[in-house]
Every structure is written in structure tokens, then in C-alpha cells.
């Protein structure tokens, strides 16, 4: 699980580096393609059926659309903004916003500790995006708008996936979600030269493989297995490593500066996620 969370934290630096080579639509197509390809052996080992029912297709299509949306905003945000700040903001906002939306729209129970966590998380998010400097031009130029939209997209992914839990095995669900997302991404990249990646250097390929195979396939699969072995509460506690490692990798590989506001916001976000996951 520690290794899986390290790949998730490193993925923000990977995305920032890939954004120097190509735009979001092109990278999305190949990320989903290689993620799907690497999932094939896992499906063989698990023995999960690839058969889809009508109900399954609705869940997978919805999840794939939201994953495409998330990846587009994720790549655009890292392309123009700071990878470390984005990794802290999105990974702390995801569970906070998921709890809020589930409680408001799906009759979930929001306890007092959850409200306290939500409040701390939103304050932490405000610090990370430096709300005192907030105006439309700053939100766009800093990449914060894309990070917020990415987080909202991932909330949809989380909710759709949780509601599909009893309709299709997770491995088959992930494989088809990646595959459909790849197909959906192709029309979006209609103006891109998809084969140009074969002209890029080994740094591009190293980061693409790490982002596709390690972060998406390995990280997701290990997190699922941990949820089965350790339970959702204990496994989700490992997510606390993601914002810390995302910032650490960005500082080491990209020489990004750790602002006090990002550190404070990240700490508040981690406390918020802890309160929400606490029994």
C-alpha cells in the first residue's frame, strides 16, 4: 500500500513532465490505452468475467466519461500550474467533497465530526488555492480552476463506482472503464497526431508508463486488494501519504517551492480526511 500511494503521489510529477511534450487529449488516449493493456494479465489471473449486462454498461459509460473529464482537468492543471499544490488540493478535496455530495444528494448521514472535517477541509482548500489572491484570471492562470474541476469529476467517479459495487467484479469494471475511456478520448484528440509519441524521448516514455501502469493499474489494484484485506477504514488511511508525497516529489524533481499556505492547507486537509474516516 505504501508503494501504491507513492505511485499516486509521483503521478502528479509525471503528469507535469508529460505536459511539456503534448497536450491533455493526446496523453489521455495513451494513458488509458496502456492502463487497459496492463490490466489484461490481471484479469487473466483473477478469472473475472468480461461479460457486460445492460446495467453494467450504464455504470461503466458514466464512470468512463467522468474519468476522461478528471484526466483532462488533471493534465491541464499540471500543465500550467504547480504539480505539488495540485496533488495536495485534489487528493484532500476528493474524500471531503465525496462525503458532502453523498450526504446532500444520496441520503447519506453526515455526523458532527464529518461537518467539522468538511469545514476544516474547505478552509484547507482555500489556503492551498490562496483565496486572498482570488480573481478569475488568477484561478485560470494558476491551474487551480482545473484542479477544482478535476476533484469534482473524481467525486462523480467515486460515487458511480460505489453504486456499481454489486453489479460487476471490480477488475472487469476497471478494465472496461479504462477501455471505454480510451475510446471516448480518441474523438477529443481528433486534432492531435496520436503517433507523434513514438518520436519522443525515453523521459516521456518513462513517465507515461509510470503514470499508466504503476499509478493507474498497480496503484488502483493494490488499493482494492487492501480494501478487501484491511477494510475500507484502514486502507483509506494510507491516502494520507498522497498529498505529502505529491508535494515531496514535486519539490525534488521539479524544484517547486513549498509555500506556507500549501503546507497549512494540506495539514488541515489531512486532519479533515482523518475526521471523516474516523469511526
Protein backbone atom coordinates (compact mmCIF):
# COMPACT_ATOMS: atom_id res chain seq x y z
CA UNK A 1 0.00 0.00 0.00
CA UNK A 2 2.86 2.38 0.77
CA UNK A 3 4.31 1.68 -2.69
CA UNK A 4 0.88 2.17 -4.28
CA UNK A 5 0.42 5.53 -2.58
CA UNK A 6 3.93 6.55 -3.66
CA UNK A 7 2.94 5.92 -7.29
CA UNK A 8 -0.16 8.09 -6.80
CA UNK A 9 1.91 10.87 -5.29
CA UNK A 10 4.53 10.62 -8.04
CA UNK A 11 1.83 10.70 -10.74
CA UNK A 12 1.46 14.47 -10.31
CA UNK A 13 5.10 14.99 -11.20
CA UNK A 14 4.74 12.51 -14.09
CA UNK A 15 1.79 14.48 -15.45
CA UNK A 16 3.67 17.78 -15.20
CA UNK A 17 6.59 16.36 -17.19
CA UNK A 18 4.31 14.82 -19.84
CA UNK A 19 2.55 18.17 -20.25
CA UNK A 20 5.81 19.58 -21.60
CA UNK A 21 5.63 17.16 -24.54
CA UNK A 22 1.97 17.12 -25.55
CA UNK A 23 -1.48 18.43 -24.70
CA UNK A 24 -4.02 16.69 -22.47
CA UNK A 25 -6.17 14.88 -25.11
CA UNK A 26 -3.20 13.04 -26.64
CA UNK A 27 -1.76 11.97 -23.29
CA UNK A 28 -5.20 10.78 -22.13
CA UNK A 29 -5.62 8.42 -25.07
CA UNK A 30 -2.31 6.69 -24.46
CA UNK A 31 -2.65 6.64 -20.67
CA UNK A 32 -5.96 4.80 -20.88
CA UNK A 33 -4.65 2.53 -23.66
CA UNK A 34 -1.62 1.34 -21.67
CA UNK A 35 -3.66 1.07 -18.47
CA UNK A 36 -6.14 -1.19 -20.28
CA UNK A 37 -3.34 -3.23 -21.82
CA UNK A 38 -1.62 -3.76 -18.48
CA UNK A 39 -4.90 -4.81 -16.86
CA UNK A 40 -5.36 -7.73 -19.26
CA UNK A 41 -2.94 -10.09 -17.41
CA UNK A 42 -4.57 -9.17 -14.08
CA UNK A 43 -7.95 -10.15 -15.49
CA UNK A 44 -6.49 -13.48 -16.61
CA UNK A 45 -5.19 -14.14 -13.09
CA UNK A 46 -8.38 -13.03 -11.34
CA UNK A 47 -10.63 -15.04 -13.66
CA UNK A 48 -13.27 -12.29 -13.66
CA UNK A 49 -15.80 -12.47 -16.47
CA UNK A 50 -15.77 -9.68 -19.04
CA UNK A 51 -19.43 -10.17 -19.84
CA UNK A 52 -21.46 -6.97 -19.58
CA UNK A 53 -25.13 -6.55 -18.78
CA UNK A 54 -27.23 -3.55 -19.76
CA UNK A 55 -26.98 -2.19 -16.20
CA UNK A 56 -23.19 -2.64 -16.17
CA UNK A 57 -22.77 -0.67 -19.38
CA UNK A 58 -24.57 2.35 -17.90
CA UNK A 59 -22.26 2.36 -14.88
CA UNK A 60 -19.13 1.87 -16.98
CA UNK A 61 -20.05 4.54 -19.54
CA UNK A 62 -20.82 7.02 -16.76
CA UNK A 63 -17.59 6.18 -14.97
CA UNK A 64 -15.56 6.39 -18.18
CA UNK A 65 -16.95 9.83 -19.04
CA UNK A 66 -16.10 11.10 -15.56
CA UNK A 67 -12.61 9.57 -15.74
CA UNK A 68 -12.00 11.32 -19.06
CA UNK A 69 -13.21 14.58 -17.51
CA UNK A 70 -10.96 14.07 -14.48
CA UNK A 71 -7.89 13.28 -16.56
CA UNK A 72 -8.43 16.23 -18.88
CA UNK A 73 -8.60 18.72 -16.00
CA UNK A 74 -5.79 16.87 -14.17
CA UNK A 75 -3.41 17.17 -17.13
CA UNK A 76 -4.42 20.78 -17.92
CA UNK A 77 -3.94 21.77 -14.29
CA UNK A 78 -0.47 20.28 -14.03
CA UNK A 79 0.47 21.66 -17.44
CA UNK A 80 0.01 25.29 -16.38
CA UNK A 81 0.03 25.04 -12.57
CA UNK A 82 2.11 23.50 -9.79
CA UNK A 83 2.05 19.71 -9.62
CA UNK A 84 2.69 19.64 -5.87
CA UNK A 85 -0.07 22.08 -4.98
CA UNK A 86 -2.45 20.26 -7.32
CA UNK A 87 -1.64 16.91 -5.74
CA UNK A 88 -2.31 18.31 -2.26
CA UNK A 89 -5.51 20.13 -3.26
CA UNK A 90 -7.17 17.36 -5.28
CA UNK A 91 -6.28 14.41 -3.03
CA UNK A 92 -7.53 16.19 0.09
CA UNK A 93 -10.66 17.63 -1.55
CA UNK A 94 -11.75 14.31 -3.11
CA UNK A 95 -12.88 12.49 0.08
CA UNK A 96 -14.20 15.73 1.58
CA UNK A 97 -16.39 16.59 -1.43
CA UNK A 98 -17.45 12.94 -1.81
CA UNK A 99 -18.74 12.94 1.76
CA UNK A 100 -20.55 16.24 1.22
CA UNK A 101 -22.22 15.25 -2.06
CA UNK A 102 -23.15 11.77 -0.80
CA UNK A 103 -24.80 13.30 2.26
CA UNK A 104 -26.66 16.00 0.35
CA UNK A 105 -27.82 14.07 -2.71
CA UNK A 106 -27.80 10.37 -1.76
CA UNK A 107 -29.31 10.45 1.74
CA UNK A 108 -26.02 9.74 3.47
CA UNK A 109 -25.69 10.57 7.14
CA UNK A 110 -23.31 13.42 7.89
CA UNK A 111 -22.28 13.31 11.55
CA UNK A 112 -20.98 16.23 13.59
CA UNK A 113 -17.37 15.09 13.21
CA UNK A 114 -17.93 14.97 9.46
CA UNK A 115 -19.20 18.55 9.41
CA UNK A 116 -16.13 19.62 11.37
CA UNK A 117 -13.96 17.71 8.89
CA UNK A 118 -15.77 19.29 5.93
CA UNK A 119 -15.25 22.74 7.39
CA UNK A 120 -11.55 22.15 8.00
CA UNK A 121 -11.15 20.66 4.54
CA UNK A 122 -12.77 23.60 2.80
CA UNK A 123 -10.65 26.04 4.81
CA UNK A 124 -7.57 23.98 3.89
CA UNK A 125 -8.55 24.06 0.22
CA UNK A 126 -8.98 27.84 0.43
CA UNK A 127 -5.43 28.15 1.78
CA UNK A 128 -4.00 25.93 -0.98
CA UNK A 129 -5.61 27.96 -3.77
CA UNK A 130 -4.62 31.19 -1.91
CA UNK A 131 -8.16 32.56 -1.76
CA UNK A 132 -6.93 36.04 -0.79
CA UNK A 133 -5.44 36.38 -4.29
CA UNK A 134 -8.56 35.02 -5.92
CA UNK A 135 -9.87 36.53 -9.13
CA UNK A 136 -10.88 34.89 -12.38
CA UNK A 137 -7.57 35.43 -14.16
CA UNK A 138 -5.53 34.06 -11.21
CA UNK A 139 -7.74 30.97 -10.85
CA UNK A 140 -7.25 30.10 -14.53
CA UNK A 141 -3.55 31.01 -14.82
CA UNK A 142 -2.59 29.15 -11.62
CA UNK A 143 -4.30 25.94 -12.75
CA UNK A 144 -6.47 25.95 -9.60
CA UNK A 145 -9.70 26.04 -11.61
CA UNK A 146 -8.67 22.84 -13.41
CA UNK A 147 -7.69 21.18 -10.11
CA UNK A 148 -11.09 22.01 -8.58
CA UNK A 149 -12.90 20.67 -11.66
CA UNK A 150 -10.72 17.55 -11.53
CA UNK A 151 -11.72 16.98 -7.92
CA UNK A 152 -15.42 17.38 -8.73
CA UNK A 153 -15.01 14.90 -11.60
CA UNK A 154 -13.38 12.36 -9.28
CA UNK A 155 -16.28 12.73 -6.83
CA UNK A 156 -18.54 11.50 -9.64
CA UNK A 157 -16.14 8.59 -10.33
CA UNK A 158 -16.20 7.61 -6.65
CA UNK A 159 -19.99 7.75 -6.32
CA UNK A 160 -20.66 5.87 -9.57
CA UNK A 161 -18.11 3.18 -8.66
CA UNK A 162 -19.55 2.69 -5.17
CA UNK A 163 -23.07 2.29 -6.58
CA UNK A 164 -21.84 -0.30 -9.12
CA UNK A 165 -20.15 -2.39 -6.44
CA UNK A 166 -22.57 -5.34 -6.53
CA UNK A 167 -23.21 -5.41 -10.28
CA UNK A 168 -19.79 -6.30 -11.74
CA UNK A 169 -16.42 -7.56 -10.41
CA UNK A 170 -14.01 -4.71 -9.75
CA UNK A 171 -11.25 -5.96 -12.07
CA UNK A 172 -13.62 -6.24 -15.05
CA UNK A 173 -15.16 -2.88 -14.11
CA UNK A 174 -11.74 -1.20 -14.12
CA UNK A 175 -10.69 -2.83 -17.39
CA UNK A 176 -13.84 -1.77 -19.24
CA UNK A 177 -13.75 1.71 -17.69
CA UNK A 178 -10.19 2.24 -18.96
CA UNK A 179 -11.09 0.79 -22.37
CA UNK A 180 -14.21 2.92 -22.84
CA UNK A 181 -12.33 5.99 -21.56
CA UNK A 182 -9.67 5.39 -24.20
CA UNK A 183 -12.33 5.18 -26.93
CA UNK A 184 -14.07 8.34 -25.65
CA UNK A 185 -10.74 10.19 -25.61
CA UNK A 186 -9.99 9.49 -29.27
CA UNK A 187 -12.61 11.92 -30.73
CA UNK A 188 -11.44 14.59 -28.26
CA UNK A 189 -7.91 14.24 -29.65
CA UNK A 190 -9.09 14.48 -33.28
CA UNK A 191 -6.70 17.39 -33.95
CA UNK A 192 -3.73 15.60 -32.36
CA UNK A 193 -1.15 13.42 -34.11
CA UNK A 194 -1.55 10.30 -31.97
CA UNK A 195 1.56 8.64 -33.41
CA UNK A 196 3.86 11.53 -32.55
CA UNK A 197 4.62 9.93 -29.17
CA UNK A 198 6.90 7.47 -30.99
CA UNK A 199 9.19 10.42 -31.74
CA UNK A 200 9.51 11.40 -28.08
CA UNK A 201 12.49 10.50 -25.89
CA UNK A 202 12.82 7.97 -23.08
CA UNK A 203 11.92 10.55 -20.41
CA UNK A 204 8.47 10.85 -21.97
CA UNK A 205 8.04 7.08 -22.17
CA UNK A 206 9.27 6.52 -18.62
CA UNK A 207 6.74 9.00 -17.24
CA UNK A 208 3.92 7.71 -19.45
CA UNK A 209 4.47 4.09 -18.36
CA UNK A 210 4.72 5.11 -14.71
CA UNK A 211 1.52 7.13 -14.98
CA UNK A 212 -0.40 4.42 -16.86
CA UNK A 213 0.89 1.12 -15.49
CA UNK A 214 2.12 1.99 -12.00
CA UNK A 215 -0.23 4.75 -10.85
CA UNK A 216 -3.40 3.62 -12.62
CA UNK A 217 -3.14 -0.18 -12.86
CA UNK A 218 -0.86 -1.12 -9.95
CA UNK A 219 -1.99 1.60 -7.54
CA UNK A 220 -5.69 1.05 -8.14
CA UNK A 221 -5.45 -2.74 -7.91
CA UNK A 222 -3.41 -2.70 -4.70
CA UNK A 223 -5.83 -0.23 -3.11
CA UNK A 224 -8.73 -2.53 -3.98
CA UNK A 225 -6.96 -5.59 -2.53
CA UNK A 226 -6.11 -3.65 0.63
CA UNK A 227 -9.75 -2.64 0.99
CA UNK A 228 -10.65 -6.33 0.99
CA UNK A 229 -7.87 -7.39 3.39
CA UNK A 230 -7.71 -4.41 5.76
CA UNK A 231 -11.18 -2.93 5.43
CA UNK A 232 -12.12 0.45 3.94
CA UNK A 233 -11.22 2.48 7.05
CA UNK A 234 -7.66 1.19 7.47
CA UNK A 235 -6.94 1.14 3.74
CA UNK A 236 -8.21 4.70 3.24
CA UNK A 237 -5.82 5.93 5.93
CA UNK A 238 -2.95 5.25 3.52
CA UNK A 239 -4.31 8.02 1.27
CA UNK A 240 -2.85 10.48 3.79
CA UNK A 241 0.52 9.69 2.16
CA UNK A 242 -0.56 11.00 -1.25
CA UNK A 243 -0.59 14.79 -0.67
CA UNK A 244 2.68 14.57 1.26
CA UNK A 245 4.45 12.51 -1.42
CA UNK A 246 2.94 14.60 -4.24
CA UNK A 247 4.48 17.72 -2.72
CA UNK A 248 7.76 15.95 -1.92
CA UNK A 249 8.25 14.57 -5.44
CA UNK A 250 7.38 17.95 -7.00
CA UNK A 251 9.96 19.68 -4.80
CA UNK A 252 12.64 17.07 -5.59
CA UNK A 253 12.14 16.54 -9.33
CA UNK A 254 10.59 19.86 -10.40
CA UNK A 255 12.25 22.19 -7.87
CA UNK A 256 8.85 23.54 -6.84
CA UNK A 257 8.75 25.74 -3.76
CA UNK A 258 6.64 24.68 -0.78
CA UNK A 259 4.54 27.70 0.17
CA UNK A 260 3.44 28.03 3.79
CA UNK A 261 -0.18 28.32 2.61
CA UNK A 262 0.10 24.97 0.78
CA UNK A 263 1.62 23.29 3.84
CA UNK A 264 -1.05 24.69 6.17
CA UNK A 265 -3.85 23.84 3.78
CA UNK A 266 -2.50 20.32 3.30
CA UNK A 267 -2.30 19.71 7.06
CA UNK A 268 -5.90 20.93 7.52
CA UNK A 269 -6.99 18.71 4.63
CA UNK A 270 -5.31 15.64 6.13
CA UNK A 271 -6.96 16.33 9.51
CA UNK A 272 -10.29 16.69 7.70
CA UNK A 273 -9.91 13.35 5.88
CA UNK A 274 -8.92 11.70 9.18
CA UNK A 275 -12.04 13.02 10.93
CA UNK A 276 -14.30 11.89 8.08
CA UNK A 277 -12.79 8.37 8.08
CA UNK A 278 -12.69 8.09 11.87
CA UNK A 279 -15.15 5.66 13.44
